[in-house]
PDB file of N, CA and C in Angstrom:
ATOM      1  N   UNK A   1     -49.555 -54.836-147.419  1.00  0.00           N
ATOM      2  CA  UNK A   1     -49.900 -56.182-146.985  1.00  0.00           C
ATOM      3  C   UNK A   1     -50.949 -56.746-147.941  1.00  0.00           C
ATOM      4  N   UNK A   2     -50.708 -57.946-148.441  1.00  0.00           N
ATOM      5  CA  UNK A   2     -51.653 -58.574-149.356  1.00  0.00           C
ATOM      6  C   UNK A   2     -52.881 -59.089-148.629  1.00  0.00           C
ATOM      7  N   UNK A   3     -53.876 -59.478-149.393  1.00  0.00           N
ATOM      8  CA  UNK A   3     -55.132 -59.971-148.815  1.00  0.00           C
ATOM      9  C   UNK A   3     -54.888 -61.189-147.925  1.00  0.00           C
ATOM     10  N   UNK A   4     -54.046 -62.110-148.389  1.00  0.00           N
ATOM     11  CA  UNK A   4     -53.769 -63.330-147.631  1.00  0.00           C
ATOM     12  C   UNK A   4     -53.134 -62.997-146.271  1.00  0.00           C
ATOM     13  N   UNK A   5     -52.166 -62.064-146.282  1.00  0.00           N
ATOM     14  CA  UNK A   5     -51.513 -61.666-145.033  1.00  0.00           C
ATOM     15  C   UNK A   5     -52.488 -60.948-144.106  1.00  0.00           C
ATOM     16  N   UNK A   6     -53.362 -60.132-144.699  1.00  0.00           N
ATOM     17  CA  UNK A   6     -54.357 -59.400-143.911  1.00  0.00           C
ATOM     18  C   UNK A   6     -55.319 -60.376-143.225  1.00  0.00           C
ATOM     19  N   UNK A   7     -55.763 -61.370-143.965  1.00  0.00           N
ATOM     20  CA  UNK A   7     -56.663 -62.389-143.403  1.00  0.00           C
ATOM     21  C   UNK A   7     -55.949 -63.130-142.269  1.00  0.00           C
ATOM     22  N   UNK A   8     -54.676 -63.467-142.484  1.00  0.00           N
ATOM     23  CA  UNK A   8     -53.894 -64.148-141.443  1.00  0.00           C
ATOM     24  C   UNK A   8     -53.755 -63.289-140.199  1.00  0.00           C
ATOM     25  N   UNK A   9     -53.479 -61.991-140.391  1.00  0.00           N
ATOM     26  CA  UNK A   9     -53.329 -61.078-139.259  1.00  0.00           C
ATOM     27  C   UNK A   9     -54.643 -60.938-138.490  1.00  0.00           C
ATOM     28  N   UNK A  10     -55.768 -60.873-139.208  1.00  0.00           N
ATOM     29  CA  UNK A  10     -57.083 -60.794-138.554  1.00  0.00           C
ATOM     30  C   UNK A  10     -57.332 -62.035-137.702  1.00  0.00           C
ATOM     31  N   UNK A  11     -57.004 -63.194-138.259  1.00  0.00           N
ATOM     32  CA  UNK A  11     -57.170 -64.454-137.521  1.00  0.00           C
ATOM     33  C   UNK A  11     -56.307 -64.492-136.273  1.00  0.00           C
ATOM     34  N   UNK A  12     -55.053 -64.051-136.394  1.00  0.00           N
ATOM     35  CA  UNK A  12     -54.153 -64.037-135.234  1.00  0.00           C
ATOM     36  C   UNK A  12     -54.656 -63.086-134.159  1.00  0.00           C
ATOM     37  N   UNK A  13     -55.163 -61.914-134.564  1.00  0.00           N
ATOM     38  CA  UNK A  13     -55.728 -60.964-133.600  1.00  0.00           C
ATOM     39  C   UNK A  13     -56.907 -61.587-132.858  1.00  0.00           C
ATOM     40  N   UNK A  14     -57.762 -62.274-133.611  1.00  0.00           N
ATOM     41  CA  UNK A  14     -58.942 -62.914-133.025  1.00  0.00           C
ATOM     42  C   UNK A  14     -58.522 -63.966-131.998  1.00  0.00           C
ATOM     43  N   UNK A  15     -57.526 -64.786-132.347  1.00  0.00           N
ATOM     44  CA  UNK A  15     -57.053 -65.834-131.435  1.00  0.00           C
ATOM     45  C   UNK A  15     -56.388 -65.209-130.207  1.00  0.00           C
ATOM     46  N   UNK A  16     -55.615 -64.145-130.398  1.00  0.00           N
ATOM     47  CA  UNK A  16     -54.974 -63.473-129.265  1.00  0.00           C
ATOM     48  C   UNK A  16     -56.042 -62.964-128.284  1.00  0.00           C
ATOM     49  N   UNK A  17     -57.097 -62.359-128.803  1.00  0.00           N
ATOM     50  CA  UNK A  17     -58.186 -61.864-127.938  1.00  0.00           C
ATOM     51  C   UNK A  17     -58.886 -63.024-127.230  1.00  0.00           C
ATOM     52  N   UNK A  18     -59.089 -64.117-127.959  1.00  0.00           N
ATOM     53  CA  UNK A  18     -59.701 -65.316-127.379  1.00  0.00           C
ATOM     54  C   UNK A  18     -58.865 -65.812-126.202  1.00  0.00           C
ATOM     55  N   UNK A  19     -57.534 -65.881-126.395  1.00  0.00           N
ATOM     56  CA  UNK A  19     -56.647 -66.372-125.337  1.00  0.00           C
ATOM     57  C   UNK A  19     -56.642 -65.437-124.129  1.00  0.00           C
ATOM     58  N   UNK A  20     -56.592 -64.141-124.379  1.00  0.00           N
ATOM     59  CA  UNK A  20     -56.614 -63.171-123.279  1.00  0.00           C
ATOM     60  C   UNK A  20     -57.917 -63.318-122.472  1.00  0.00           C
ATOM     61  N   UNK A  21     -59.025 -63.598-123.176  1.00  0.00           N
ATOM     62  CA  UNK A  21     -60.307 -63.790-122.485  1.00  0.00           C
ATOM     63  C   UNK A  21     -60.289 -65.051-121.609  1.00  0.00           C
ATOM     64  N   UNK A  22     -59.346 -65.954-121.886  1.00  0.00           N
ATOM     65  CA  UNK A  22     -59.199 -67.193-121.102  1.00  0.00           C
ATOM     66  C   UNK A  22     -58.047 -67.061-120.090  1.00  0.00           C
ATOM     67  N   UNK A  23     -57.644 -65.817-119.803  1.00  0.00           N
ATOM     68  CA  UNK A  23     -56.593 -65.510-118.827  1.00  0.00           C
ATOM     69  C   UNK A  23     -55.185 -65.935-119.249  1.00  0.00           C
ATOM     70  N   UNK A  24     -54.943 -65.980-120.542  1.00  0.00           N
ATOM     71  CA  UNK A  24     -53.583 -66.180-121.043  1.00  0.00           C
ATOM     72  C   UNK A  24     -52.962 -64.802-121.217  1.00  0.00           C
ATOM     73  N   UNK A  25     -51.632 -64.754-121.125  1.00  0.00           N
ATOM     74  CA  UNK A  25     -50.906 -63.524-121.420  1.00  0.00           C
ATOM     75  C   UNK A  25     -50.133 -63.751-122.715  1.00  0.00           C
ATOM     76  N   UNK A  26     -50.265 -62.856-123.674  1.00  0.00           N
ATOM     77  CA  UNK A  26     -49.537 -62.983-124.933  1.00  0.00           C
ATOM     78  C   UNK A  26     -48.098 -62.523-124.695  1.00  0.00           C
ATOM     79  N   UNK A  27     -47.131 -63.392-124.982  1.00  0.00           N
ATOM     80  CA  UNK A  27     -45.716 -63.077-124.787  1.00  0.00           C
ATOM     81  C   UNK A  27     -45.051 -62.617-126.077  1.00  0.00           C
ATOM     82  N   UNK A  28     -45.504 -63.146-127.201  1.00  0.00           N
ATOM     83  CA  UNK A  28     -44.841 -62.859-128.470  1.00  0.00           C
ATOM     84  C   UNK A  28     -45.815 -63.085-129.612  1.00  0.00           C
ATOM     85  N   UNK A  29     -45.592 -62.330-130.683  1.00  0.00           N
ATOM     86  CA  UNK A  29     -46.399 -62.498-131.899  1.00  0.00           C
ATOM     87  C   UNK A  29     -45.457 -62.522-133.091  1.00  0.00           C
ATOM     88  N   UNK A  30     -45.702 -63.446-133.995  1.00  0.00           N
ATOM     89  CA  UNK A  30     -44.922 -63.556-135.233  1.00  0.00           C
ATOM     90  C   UNK A  30     -43.428 -63.580-134.965  1.00  0.00           C
ATOM     91  N   UNK A  31     -43.016 -64.408-133.995  1.00  0.00           N
ATOM     92  CA  UNK A  31     -41.589 -64.565-133.685  1.00  0.00           C
ATOM     93  C   UNK A  31     -40.932 -65.347-134.821  1.00  0.00           C
ATOM     94  N   UNK A  32     -39.898 -64.783-135.375  1.00  0.00           N
ATOM     95  CA  UNK A  32     -39.308 -65.358-136.586  1.00  0.00           C
ATOM     96  C   UNK A  32     -37.809 -65.543-136.431  1.00  0.00           C
ATOM     97  N   UNK A  33     -37.358 -66.717-136.871  1.00  0.00           N
ATOM     98  CA  UNK A  33     -35.937 -66.977-137.056  1.00  0.00           C
ATOM     99  C   UNK A  33     -35.799 -67.610-138.439  1.00  0.00           C
ATOM    100  N   UNK A  34     -34.590 -67.910-138.813  1.00  0.00           N
ATOM    101  CA  UNK A  34     -34.331 -68.434-140.154  1.00  0.00           C
ATOM    102  C   UNK A  34     -35.196 -69.663-140.474  1.00  0.00           C
ATOM    103  N   UNK A  35     -35.415 -70.520-139.496  1.00  0.00           N
ATOM    104  CA  UNK A  35     -36.149 -71.776-139.726  1.00  0.00           C
ATOM    105  C   UNK A  35     -37.654 -71.599-139.893  1.00  0.00           C
ATOM    106  N   UNK A  36     -38.178 -70.446-139.480  1.00  0.00           N
ATOM    107  CA  UNK A  36     -39.619 -70.267-139.612  1.00  0.00           C
ATOM    108  C   UNK A  36     -40.168 -69.272-138.616  1.00  0.00           C
ATOM    109  N   UNK A  37     -41.481 -69.326-138.421  1.00  0.00           N
ATOM    110  CA  UNK A  37     -42.173 -68.343-137.584  1.00  0.00           C
ATOM    111  C   UNK A  37     -43.188 -69.026-136.681  1.00  0.00           C
ATOM    112  N   UNK A  38     -43.290 -68.492-135.462  1.00  0.00           N
ATOM    113  CA  UNK A  38     -44.335 -68.915-134.533  1.00  0.00           C
ATOM    114  C   UNK A  38     -45.362 -67.789-134.514  1.00  0.00           C
ATOM    115  N   UNK A  39     -46.626 -68.127-134.762  1.00  0.00           N
ATOM    116  CA  UNK A  39     -47.669 -67.104-134.841  1.00  0.00           C
ATOM    117  C   UNK A  39     -47.877 -66.389-133.512  1.00  0.00           C
ATOM    118  N   UNK A  40     -48.138 -67.158-132.468  1.00  0.00           N
ATOM    119  CA  UNK A  40     -48.391 -66.588-131.144  1.00  0.00           C
ATOM    120  C   UNK A  40     -47.696 -67.415-130.072  1.00  0.00           C
ATOM    121  N   UNK A  41     -47.186 -66.724-129.066  1.00  0.00           N
ATOM    122  CA  UNK A  41     -46.644 -67.390-127.884  1.00  0.00           C
ATOM    123  C   UNK A  41     -47.368 -66.765-126.701  1.00  0.00           C
ATOM    124  N   UNK A  42     -47.898 -67.605-125.834  1.00  0.00           N
ATOM    125  CA  UNK A  42     -48.639 -67.116-124.674  1.00  0.00           C
ATOM    126  C   UNK A  42     -48.226 -67.923-123.455  1.00  0.00           C
ATOM    127  N   UNK A  43     -48.635 -67.435-122.299  1.00  0.00           N
ATOM    128  CA  UNK A  43     -48.435 -68.215-121.077  1.00  0.00           C
ATOM    129  C   UNK A  43     -49.802 -68.364-120.421  1.00  0.00           C
ATOM    130  N   UNK A  44     -50.118 -69.590-120.058  1.00  0.00           N
ATOM    131  CA  UNK A  44     -51.421 -69.854-119.448  1.00  0.00           C
ATOM    132  C   UNK A  44     -51.401 -69.390-117.999  1.00  0.00           C
ATOM    133  N   UNK A  45     -52.570 -69.333-117.399  1.00  0.00           N
ATOM    134  CA  UNK A  45     -52.635 -68.848-116.018  1.00  0.00           C
ATOM    135  C   UNK A  45     -51.919 -69.777-115.046  1.00  0.00           C
ATOM    136  N   UNK A  46     -51.674 -71.032-115.469  1.00  0.00           N
ATOM    137  CA  UNK A  46     -50.922 -71.937-114.599  1.00  0.00           C
ATOM    138  C   UNK A  46     -49.457 -72.076-115.034  1.00  0.00           C
ATOM    139  N   UNK A  47     -48.966 -71.116-115.842  1.00  0.00           N
ATOM    140  CA  UNK A  47     -47.543 -71.037-116.133  1.00  0.00           C
ATOM    141  C   UNK A  47     -47.017 -71.870-117.286  1.00  0.00           C
ATOM    142  N   UNK A  48     -47.903 -72.467-118.062  1.00  0.00           N
ATOM    143  CA  UNK A  48     -47.463 -73.252-119.218  1.00  0.00           C
ATOM    144  C   UNK A  48     -47.236 -72.308-120.397  1.00  0.00           C
ATOM    145  N   UNK A  49     -46.063 -72.434-121.035  1.00  0.00           N
ATOM    146  CA  UNK A  49     -45.793 -71.644-122.234  1.00  0.00           C
ATOM    147  C   UNK A  49     -46.502 -72.340-123.392  1.00  0.00           C
ATOM    148  N   UNK A  50     -47.308 -71.591-124.119  1.00  0.00           N
ATOM    149  CA  UNK A  50     -48.127 -72.168-125.188  1.00  0.00           C
ATOM    150  C   UNK A  50     -47.750 -71.520-126.518  1.00  0.00           C
ATOM    151  N   UNK A  51     -47.402 -72.372-127.480  1.00  0.00           N
ATOM    152  CA  UNK A  51     -47.091 -71.918-128.837  1.00  0.00           C
ATOM    153  C   UNK A  51     -48.316 -72.224-129.688  1.00  0.00           C
ATOM    154  N   UNK A  52     -48.799 -71.217-130.393  1.00  0.00           N
ATOM    155  CA  UNK A  52     -50.050 -71.392-131.135  1.00  0.00           C
ATOM    156  C   UNK A  52     -49.834 -71.162-132.619  1.00  0.00           C
ATOM    157  N   UNK A  53     -50.182 -72.174-133.398  1.00  0.00           N
ATOM    158  CA  UNK A  53     -50.174 -72.073-134.857  1.00  0.00           C
ATOM    159  C   UNK A  53     -51.594 -71.692-135.260  1.00  0.00           C
ATOM    160  N   UNK A  54     -51.713 -70.576-135.974  1.00  0.00           N
ATOM    161  CA  UNK A  54     -53.036 -70.085-136.379  1.00  0.00           C
ATOM    162  C   UNK A  54     -53.189 -70.260-137.886  1.00  0.00           C
ATOM    163  N   UNK A  55     -54.275 -70.884-138.291  1.00  0.00           N
ATOM    164  CA  UNK A  55     -54.612 -71.038-139.708  1.00  0.00           C
ATOM    165  C   UNK A  55     -55.958 -70.361-139.925  1.00  0.00           C
ATOM    166  N   UNK A  56     -55.961 -69.353-140.782  1.00  0.00           N
ATOM    167  CA  UNK A  56     -57.181 -68.598-141.024  1.00  0.00           C
ATOM    168  C   UNK A  56     -57.613 -68.772-142.470  1.00  0.00           C
ATOM    169  N   UNK A  57     -58.897 -68.974-142.666  1.00  0.00           N
ATOM    170  CA  UNK A  57     -59.444 -69.142-144.013  1.00  0.00           C
ATOM    171  C   UNK A  57     -60.758 -68.382-144.121  1.00  0.00           C
ATOM    172  N   UNK A  58     -61.153 -68.107-145.350  1.00  0.00           N
ATOM    173  CA  UNK A  58     -62.455 -67.472-145.571  1.00  0.00           C
ATOM    174  C   UNK A  58     -63.487 -68.494-146.047  1.00  0.00           C
ATOM    175  N   UNK A  59     -63.031 -69.722-146.315  1.00  0.00           N
ATOM    176  CA  UNK A  59     -63.970 -70.802-146.649  1.00  0.00           C
ATOM    177  C   UNK A  59     -63.258 -72.128-146.408  1.00  0.00           C
ATOM    178  N   UNK A  60     -64.035 -73.199-146.392  1.00  0.00           N
ATOM    179  CA  UNK A  60     -63.428 -74.523-146.240  1.00  0.00           C
ATOM    180  C   UNK A  60     -63.434 -75.271-147.563  1.00  0.00           C
ATOM    181  N   UNK A  61     -63.509 -74.522-148.652  1.00  0.00           N
ATOM    182  CA  UNK A  61     -63.508 -75.123-149.989  1.00  0.00           C
ATOM    183  C   UNK A  61     -62.346 -76.088-150.167  1.00  0.00           C
ATOM    184  N   UNK A  62     -61.181 -75.705-149.640  1.00  0.00           N
ATOM    185  CA  UNK A  62     -59.989 -76.532-149.813  1.00  0.00           C
ATOM    186  C   UNK A  62     -59.672 -77.349-148.564  1.00  0.00           C
ATOM    187  N   UNK A  63     -60.698 -77.599-147.748  1.00  0.00           N
ATOM    188  CA  UNK A  63     -60.519 -78.421-146.553  1.00  0.00           C
ATOM    189  C   UNK A  63     -60.427 -77.591-145.282  1.00  0.00           C
ATOM    190  N   UNK A  64     -60.436 -78.289-144.162  1.00  0.00           N
ATOM    191  CA  UNK A  64     -60.353 -77.647-142.846  1.00  0.00           C
ATOM    192  C   UNK A  64     -58.986 -76.977-142.716  1.00  0.00           C
ATOM    193  N   UNK A  65     -58.943 -75.770-142.139  1.00  0.00           N
ATOM    194  CA  UNK A  65     -57.664 -75.051-142.027  1.00  0.00           C
ATOM    195  C   UNK A  65     -56.551 -75.847-141.341  1.00  0.00           C
ATOM    196  N   UNK A  66     -56.896 -76.666-140.352  1.00  0.00           N
ATOM    197  CA  UNK A  66     -55.854 -77.400-139.634  1.00  0.00           C
ATOM    198  C   UNK A  66     -55.236 -78.508-140.475  1.00  0.00           C
ATOM    199  N   UNK A  67     -55.880 -78.865-141.577  1.00  0.00           N
ATOM    200  CA  UNK A  67     -55.282 -79.857-142.481  1.00  0.00           C
ATOM    201  C   UNK A  67     -54.000 -79.328-143.111  1.00  0.00           C
ATOM    202  N   UNK A  68     -53.792 -78.001-143.042  1.00  0.00           N
ATOM    203  CA  UNK A  68     -52.589 -77.393-143.600  1.00  0.00           C
ATOM    204  C   UNK A  68     -51.352 -77.660-142.730  1.00  0.00           C
ATOM    205  N   UNK A  69     -51.565 -78.208-141.525  1.00  0.00           N
ATOM    206  CA  UNK A  69     -50.428 -78.515-140.659  1.00  0.00           C
ATOM    207  C   UNK A  69     -49.951 -79.929-140.981  1.00  0.00           C
ATOM    208  N   UNK A  70     -48.946 -80.004-141.832  1.00  0.00           N
ATOM    209  CA  UNK A  70     -48.386 -81.287-142.258  1.00  0.00           C
ATOM    210  C   UNK A  70     -47.419 -81.815-141.199  1.00  0.00           C
ATOM    211  N   UNK A  71     -46.958 -83.037-141.395  1.00  0.00           N
ATOM    212  CA  UNK A  71     -45.979 -83.619-140.473  1.00  0.00           C
ATOM    213  C   UNK A  71     -44.716 -82.759-140.429  1.00  0.00           C
ATOM    214  N   UNK A  72     -44.245 -82.310-141.604  1.00  0.00           N
ATOM    215  CA  UNK A  72     -43.047 -81.460-141.645  1.00  0.00           C
ATOM    216  C   UNK A  72     -43.275 -80.156-140.889  1.00  0.00           C
ATOM    217  N   UNK A  73     -44.437 -79.563-141.055  1.00  0.00           N
ATOM    218  CA  UNK A  73     -44.768 -78.320-140.358  1.00  0.00           C
ATOM    219  C   UNK A  73     -44.794 -78.568-138.850  1.00  0.00           C
ATOM    220  N   UNK A  74     -45.333 -79.700-138.437  1.00  0.00           N
ATOM    221  CA  UNK A  74     -45.395 -80.048-137.018  1.00  0.00           C
ATOM    222  C   UNK A  74     -43.990 -80.166-136.426  1.00  0.00           C
ATOM    223  N   UNK A  75     -43.094 -80.838-137.136  1.00  0.00           N
ATOM    224  CA  UNK A  75     -41.708 -80.965-136.662  1.00  0.00           C
ATOM    225  C   UNK A  75     -41.043 -79.600-136.578  1.00  0.00           C
ATOM    226  N   UNK A  76     -41.301 -78.754-137.561  1.00  0.00           N
ATOM    227  CA  UNK A  76     -40.717 -77.410-137.554  1.00  0.00           C
ATOM    228  C   UNK A  76     -41.249 -76.608-136.363  1.00  0.00           C
ATOM    229  N   UNK A  77     -42.545 -76.724-136.073  1.00  0.00           N
ATOM    230  CA  UNK A  77     -43.122 -76.030-134.918  1.00  0.00           C
ATOM    231  C   UNK A  77     -42.453 -76.482-133.619  1.00  0.00           C
ATOM    232  N   UNK A  78     -42.187 -77.766-133.526  1.00  0.00           N
ATOM    233  CA  UNK A  78     -41.526 -78.314-132.334  1.00  0.00           C
ATOM    234  C   UNK A  78     -40.123 -77.705-132.181  1.00  0.00           C
ATOM    235  N   UNK A  79     -39.372 -77.644-133.271  1.00  0.00           N
ATOM    236  CA  UNK A  79     -38.018 -77.065-133.237  1.00  0.00           C
ATOM    237  C   UNK A  79     -38.078 -75.569-132.921  1.00  0.00           C
ATOM    238  N   UNK A  80     -39.043 -74.862-133.510  1.00  0.00           N
ATOM    239  CA  UNK A  80     -39.192 -73.436-133.249  1.00  0.00           C
ATOM    240  C   UNK A  80     -39.545 -73.179-131.778  1.00  0.00           C
ATOM    241  N   UNK A  81     -40.407 -74.011-131.214  1.00  0.00           N
ATOM    242  CA  UNK A  81     -40.785 -73.864-129.803  1.00  0.00           C
ATOM    243  C   UNK A  81     -39.553 -74.008-128.910  1.00  0.00           C
ATOM    244  N   UNK A  82     -38.738 -75.016-129.179  1.00  0.00           N
ATOM    245  CA  UNK A  82     -37.525 -75.223-128.382  1.00  0.00           C
ATOM    246  C   UNK A  82     -36.554 -74.061-128.553  1.00  0.00           C
ATOM    247  N   UNK A  83     -36.467 -73.530-129.775  1.00  0.00           N
ATOM    248  CA  UNK A  83     -35.598 -72.371-130.024  1.00  0.00           C
ATOM    249  C   UNK A  83     -36.094 -71.159-129.235  1.00  0.00           C
ATOM    250  N   UNK A  84     -37.406 -70.927-129.242  1.00  0.00           N
ATOM    251  CA  UNK A  84     -37.957 -69.789-128.504  1.00  0.00           C
ATOM    252  C   UNK A  84     -37.647 -69.917-127.018  1.00  0.00           C
ATOM    253  N   UNK A  85     -37.865 -71.112-126.465  1.00  0.00           N
ATOM    254  CA  UNK A  85     -37.597 -71.339-125.037  1.00  0.00           C
ATOM    255  C   UNK A  85     -36.128 -71.063-124.707  1.00  0.00           C
ATOM    256  N   UNK A  86     -35.246 -71.472-125.597  1.00  0.00           N
ATOM    257  CA  UNK A  86     -33.815 -71.261-125.385  1.00  0.00           C
ATOM    258  C   UNK A  86     -33.467 -69.773-125.436  1.00  0.00           C
ATOM    259  N   UNK A  87     -33.896 -69.097-126.490  1.00  0.00           N
ATOM    260  CA  UNK A  87     -33.593 -67.676-126.676  1.00  0.00           C
ATOM    261  C   UNK A  87     -34.144 -66.828-125.525  1.00  0.00           C
ATOM    262  N   UNK A  88     -35.296 -67.209-124.997  1.00  0.00           N
ATOM    263  CA  UNK A  88     -35.951 -66.425-123.953  1.00  0.00           C
ATOM    264  C   UNK A  88     -35.659 -66.959-122.539  1.00  0.00           C
ATOM    265  N   UNK A  89     -34.638 -67.799-122.421  1.00  0.00           N
ATOM    266  CA  UNK A  89     -34.193 -68.323-121.122  1.00  0.00           C
ATOM    267  C   UNK A  89     -35.325 -68.977-120.337  1.00  0.00           C
ATOM    268  N   UNK A  90     -36.137 -69.734-121.054  1.00  0.00           N
ATOM    269  CA  UNK A  90     -37.246 -70.449-120.404  1.00  0.00           C
ATOM    270  C   UNK A  90     -37.060 -71.960-120.557  1.00  0.00           C
ATOM    271  N   UNK A  91     -35.820 -72.362-120.801  1.00  0.00           N
ATOM    272  CA  UNK A  91     -35.532 -73.779-120.965  1.00  0.00           C
ATOM    273  C   UNK A  91     -35.994 -74.518-119.717  1.00  0.00           C
ATOM    274  N   UNK A  92     -36.681 -75.625-119.897  1.00  0.00           N
ATOM    275  CA  UNK A  92     -37.163 -76.401-118.770  1.00  0.00           C
ATOM    276  C   UNK A  92     -38.577 -76.025-118.344  1.00  0.00           C
ATOM    277  N   UNK A  93     -39.114 -74.933-118.889  1.00  0.00           N
ATOM    278  CA  UNK A  93     -40.498 -74.575-118.588  1.00  0.00           C
ATOM    279  C   UNK A  93     -41.419 -75.586-119.266  1.00  0.00           C
ATOM    280  N   UNK A  94     -42.539 -75.863-118.632  1.00  0.00           N
ATOM    281  CA  UNK A  94     -43.534 -76.722-119.271  1.00  0.00           C
ATOM    282  C   UNK A  94     -44.099 -75.962-120.472  1.00  0.00           C
ATOM    283  N   UNK A  95     -44.250 -76.671-121.587  1.00  0.00           N
ATOM    284  CA  UNK A  95     -44.803 -76.016-122.770  1.00  0.00           C
ATOM    285  C   UNK A  95     -45.685 -76.980-123.539  1.00  0.00           C
ATOM    286  N   UNK A  96     -46.473 -76.407-124.440  1.00  0.00           N
ATOM    287  CA  UNK A  96     -47.273 -77.233-125.348  1.00  0.00           C
ATOM    288  C   UNK A  96     -47.488 -76.445-126.633  1.00  0.00           C
ATOM    289  N   UNK A  97     -47.919 -77.163-127.657  1.00  0.00           N
ATOM    290  CA  UNK A  97     -48.203 -76.536-128.943  1.00  0.00           C
ATOM    291  C   UNK A  97     -49.680 -76.736-129.246  1.00  0.00           C
ATOM    292  N   UNK A  98     -50.370 -75.621-129.424  1.00  0.00           N
ATOM    293  CA  UNK A  98     -51.803 -75.640-129.747  1.00  0.00           C
ATOM    294  C   UNK A  98     -51.984 -75.189-131.195  1.00  0.00           C
ATOM    295  N   UNK A  99     -53.152 -75.434-131.725  1.00  0.00           N
ATOM    296  CA  UNK A  99     -53.484 -74.975-133.072  1.00  0.00           C
ATOM    297  C   UNK A  99     -54.872 -74.344-133.043  1.00  0.00           C
ATOM    298  N   UNK A 100     -55.008 -73.298-133.822  1.00  0.00           N
ATOM    299  CA  UNK A 100     -56.303 -72.611-133.899  1.00  0.00           C
ATOM    300  C   UNK A 100     -56.682 -72.432-135.358  1.00  0.00           C
ATOM    301  N   UNK A 101     -57.862 -72.900-135.696  1.00  0.00           N
ATOM    302  CA  UNK A 101     -58.408 -72.683-137.038  1.00  0.00           C
ATOM    303  C   UNK A 101     -59.434 -71.571-136.917  1.00  0.00           C
ATOM    304  N   UNK A 102     -59.277 -70.555-137.743  1.00  0.00           N
ATOM    305  CA  UNK A 102     -60.214 -69.440-137.730  1.00  0.00           C
ATOM    306  C   UNK A 102     -60.879 -69.376-139.094  1.00  0.00           C
ATOM    307  N   UNK A 103     -62.188 -69.318-139.084  1.00  0.00           N
ATOM    308  CA  UNK A 103     -62.955 -69.176-140.316  1.00  0.00           C
ATOM    309  C   UNK A 103     -63.635 -67.820-140.274  1.00  0.00           C
ATOM    310  N   UNK A 104     -63.316 -66.989-141.253  1.00  0.00           N
ATOM    311  CA  UNK A 104     -63.933 -65.661-141.344  1.00  0.00           C
ATOM    312  C   UNK A 104     -64.961 -65.734-142.466  1.00  0.00           C
ATOM    313  N   UNK A 105     -66.220 -65.550-142.102  1.00  0.00           N
ATOM    314  CA  UNK A 105     -67.265 -65.600-143.127  1.00  0.00           C
ATOM    315  C   UNK A 105     -67.752 -64.188-143.434  1.00  0.00           C
ATOM    316  N   UNK A 106     -68.567 -64.088-144.425  1.00  0.00           N
ATOM    317  CA  UNK A 106     -69.108 -62.778-144.823  1.00  0.00           C
ATOM    318  C   UNK A 106     -69.752 -62.094-143.628  1.00  0.00           C
ATOM    319  N   UNK A 107     -69.653 -60.795-143.607  1.00  0.00           N
ATOM    320  CA  UNK A 107     -70.163 -60.056-142.456  1.00  0.00           C
ATOM    321  C   UNK A 107     -69.156 -60.052-141.322  1.00  0.00           C
ATOM    322  N   UNK A 108     -67.927 -60.470-141.625  1.00  0.00           N
ATOM    323  CA  UNK A 108     -66.831 -60.508-140.658  1.00  0.00           C
ATOM    324  C   UNK A 108     -67.197 -61.290-139.401  1.00  0.00           C
ATOM    325  N   UNK A 109     -67.854 -62.424-139.607  1.00  0.00           N
ATOM    326  CA  UNK A 109     -68.171 -63.308-138.500  1.00  0.00           C
ATOM    327  C   UNK A 109     -66.992 -64.269-138.331  1.00  0.00           C
ATOM    328  N   UNK A 110     -66.458 -64.347-137.127  1.00  0.00           N
ATOM    329  CA  UNK A 110     -65.311 -65.202-136.857  1.00  0.00           C
ATOM    330  C   UNK A 110     -65.755 -66.453-136.104  1.00  0.00           C
ATOM    331  N   UNK A 111     -65.244 -67.603-136.547  1.00  0.00           N
ATOM    332  CA  UNK A 111     -65.468 -68.857-135.825  1.00  0.00           C
ATOM    333  C   UNK A 111     -64.098 -69.420-135.519  1.00  0.00           C
ATOM    334  N   UNK A 112     -63.951 -69.990-134.315  1.00  0.00           N
ATOM    335  CA  UNK A 112     -62.656 -70.557-133.947  1.00  0.00           C
ATOM    336  C   UNK A 112     -62.814 -72.026-133.577  1.00  0.00           C
ATOM    337  N   UNK A 113     -61.869 -72.810-134.005  1.00  0.00           N
ATOM    338  CA  UNK A 113     -61.765 -74.217-133.614  1.00  0.00           C
ATOM    339  C   UNK A 113     -60.391 -74.304-132.952  1.00  0.00           C
ATOM    340  N   UNK A 114     -60.371 -74.294-131.607  1.00  0.00           N
ATOM    341  CA  UNK A 114     -59.113 -74.244-130.880  1.00  0.00           C
ATOM    342  C   UNK A 114     -58.777 -75.629-130.356  1.00  0.00           C
ATOM    343  N   UNK A 115     -57.593 -76.113-130.676  1.00  0.00           N
ATOM    344  CA  UNK A 115     -57.179 -77.453-130.261  1.00  0.00           C
ATOM    345  C   UNK A 115     -55.953 -77.355-129.351  1.00  0.00           C
ATOM    346  N   UNK A 116     -56.078 -77.919-128.179  1.00  0.00           N
ATOM    347  CA  UNK A 116     -54.995 -77.882-127.199  1.00  0.00           C
ATOM    348  C   UNK A 116     -54.073 -79.083-127.391  1.00  0.00           C
ATOM    349  N   UNK A 117     -52.772 -78.820-127.280  1.00  0.00           N
ATOM    350  CA  UNK A 117     -51.734 -79.860-127.312  1.00  0.00           C
ATOM    351  C   UNK A 117     -51.840 -80.768-128.545  1.00  0.00           C
ATOM    352  N   UNK A 118     -51.768 -80.151-129.717  1.00  0.00           N
ATOM    353  CA  UNK A 118     -51.864 -80.940-130.941  1.00  0.00           C
ATOM    354  C   UNK A 118     -50.584 -81.727-131.208  1.00  0.00           C
ATOM    355  N   UNK A 119     -49.491 -81.319-130.588  1.00  0.00           N
ATOM    356  CA  UNK A 119     -48.215 -82.037-130.741  1.00  0.00           C
ATOM    357  C   UNK A 119     -47.702 -82.475-129.395  1.00  0.00           C
TER     358      UNK A 119
END
């Protein structure tokens, strides 16, 4: 695993732990089909299926991590969410798409900027 993938995996682990601490249950991680990948899928304590796009960075030199979510990426996330719901027989369930920016600084300090219902 390259450094970039390792940083991404660390960020996803951090977000998964954050969600579990908020009483979410993680249903899926790195779910992939031909069209792309969903980083995390969780269910909230009130039954909402939540798809989470995680962007992890070690600095903001190139801008805020969530700036990496372009319009095309947003549309793809929407299609992937619908595909996941279909494949997992959850069609008709309430769902939303969240985004999490994780900044890992020296000393392995993690900061999270979690945004609910970005799409």
